[in-house]
Amino acid sequence: MEYLRDHIAESSFHLYDPGNTNNDVIAAMQDYDRQSFKSDMESMLNNIDSNPNVYLPYYFKVNEKYNGYKEKDAGTAYPTSTKRFG
């Protein structure tokens, strides 16, 4: 998000669709839209920095199906699922 905020308004910035590298997602945005997106990112990041307990769940809804990480007795975090990616 910080990278997008810092670079989206630049005319040389490109954001290619990972599923179709011929598709530059940002190319469809007008300069005004890029500036608006930058302002939105600045606002979002500032809000999260100022009060993460309020704004993280506001911007990023909690996945009720995911229990998150649990702590072992020693305080080390570990995934609750033994499933592996791939």
Protein backbone atom coordinates (compact mmCIF):
# COMPACT_ATOMS: atom_id res chain seq x y z
CA MET A 1 0.00 0.00 0.00
CA GLU A 2 2.86 2.35 0.75
CA TYR A 3 4.46 1.53 -2.58
CA LEU A 4 1.21 2.26 -4.41
CA ARG A 5 0.78 5.51 -2.50
CA ASP A 6 4.31 6.61 -3.32
CA HIS A 7 4.30 5.73 -7.03
CA ILE A 8 0.80 5.57 -8.50
CA ALA A 9 0.72 9.24 -9.52
CA GLU A 10 3.90 8.88 -11.58
CA SER A 11 3.26 8.64 -15.31
CA SER A 12 5.93 5.93 -15.60
CA PHE A 13 4.23 3.67 -13.02
CA HIS A 14 2.69 0.44 -14.32
CA LEU A 15 0.76 -2.28 -12.54
CA TYR A 16 0.48 -5.42 -14.62
CA ASP A 17 -2.17 -8.05 -14.04
CA PRO A 18 -0.32 -11.19 -12.84
CA GLY A 19 -2.77 -13.37 -14.80
CA ASN A 20 -2.30 -11.37 -18.01
CA THR A 21 0.95 -9.43 -18.21
CA ASN A 22 -0.29 -7.63 -21.33
CA ASN A 23 -2.91 -5.91 -19.15
CA ASP A 24 -1.58 -2.77 -17.44
CA VAL A 25 -4.29 -2.10 -14.85
CA ILE A 26 -3.10 1.45 -14.17
CA ALA A 27 -3.11 2.44 -17.86
CA ALA A 28 -6.90 2.67 -17.74
CA MET A 29 -6.77 5.29 -14.96
CA GLN A 30 -6.79 9.01 -15.70
CA ASP A 31 -4.35 11.32 -13.89
CA TYR A 32 -7.17 12.55 -11.65
CA ASP A 33 -8.01 8.95 -10.67
CA ARG A 34 -4.37 8.26 -9.85
CA GLN A 35 -4.18 11.33 -7.59
CA SER A 36 -7.45 10.38 -5.93
CA PHE A 37 -6.19 6.85 -5.31
CA LYS A 38 -2.96 8.26 -3.86
CA SER A 39 -4.96 10.49 -1.48
CA ASP A 40 -7.11 7.54 -0.43
CA MET A 41 -4.00 5.46 0.32
CA GLU A 42 -2.46 8.31 2.33
CA SER A 43 -5.64 8.68 4.36
CA MET A 44 -5.98 4.95 4.94
CA LEU A 45 -2.37 4.50 6.03
CA ASN A 46 -2.50 7.55 8.31
CA ASN A 47 -5.69 6.26 9.94
CA ILE A 48 -4.20 2.80 10.46
CA ASP A 49 -1.00 4.28 11.93
CA SER A 50 -2.96 6.51 14.30
CA ASN A 51 -5.29 3.79 15.63
CA PRO A 52 -4.72 0.28 14.24
CA ASN A 53 -7.21 -1.39 16.59
CA VAL A 54 -10.03 0.66 15.09
CA TYR A 55 -8.97 1.09 11.48
CA LEU A 56 -7.48 -2.30 10.56
CA PRO A 57 -10.82 -4.08 11.07
CA TYR A 58 -12.59 -1.13 9.39
CA TYR A 59 -10.57 -1.40 6.17
CA PHE A 60 -9.86 -5.14 6.29
CA LYS A 61 -12.81 -7.18 7.45
CA VAL A 62 -12.03 -10.10 9.75
CA ASN A 63 -12.40 -13.51 8.15
CA GLU A 64 -14.66 -15.29 10.62
CA LYS A 65 -13.61 -18.71 9.24
CA TYR A 66 -9.96 -18.08 10.11
CA ASN A 67 -8.90 -18.42 13.74
CA GLY A 68 -5.54 -16.76 13.24
CA TYR A 69 -2.40 -17.64 15.11
CA LYS A 70 -2.24 -19.07 18.58
CA GLU A 71 0.59 -18.75 21.05
CA LYS A 72 2.40 -21.69 22.54
CA ASP A 73 3.44 -21.60 26.18
CA ALA A 74 6.76 -19.99 25.24
CA GLY A 75 4.96 -17.16 23.45
CA THR A 76 5.89 -18.23 19.93
CA ALA A 77 3.17 -17.74 17.31
CA TYR A 78 2.34 -20.63 15.02
CA PRO A 79 -0.37 -21.30 12.42
CA THR A 80 -3.45 -23.09 13.72
CA SER A 81 -3.67 -25.29 10.62
CA THR A 82 -1.19 -27.97 9.61
CA LYS A 83 -2.17 -27.61 5.93
CA ARG A 84 0.61 -26.46 3.65
CA PHE A 85 0.43 -24.37 0.50
CA GLY A 86 0.90 -26.07 -2.84
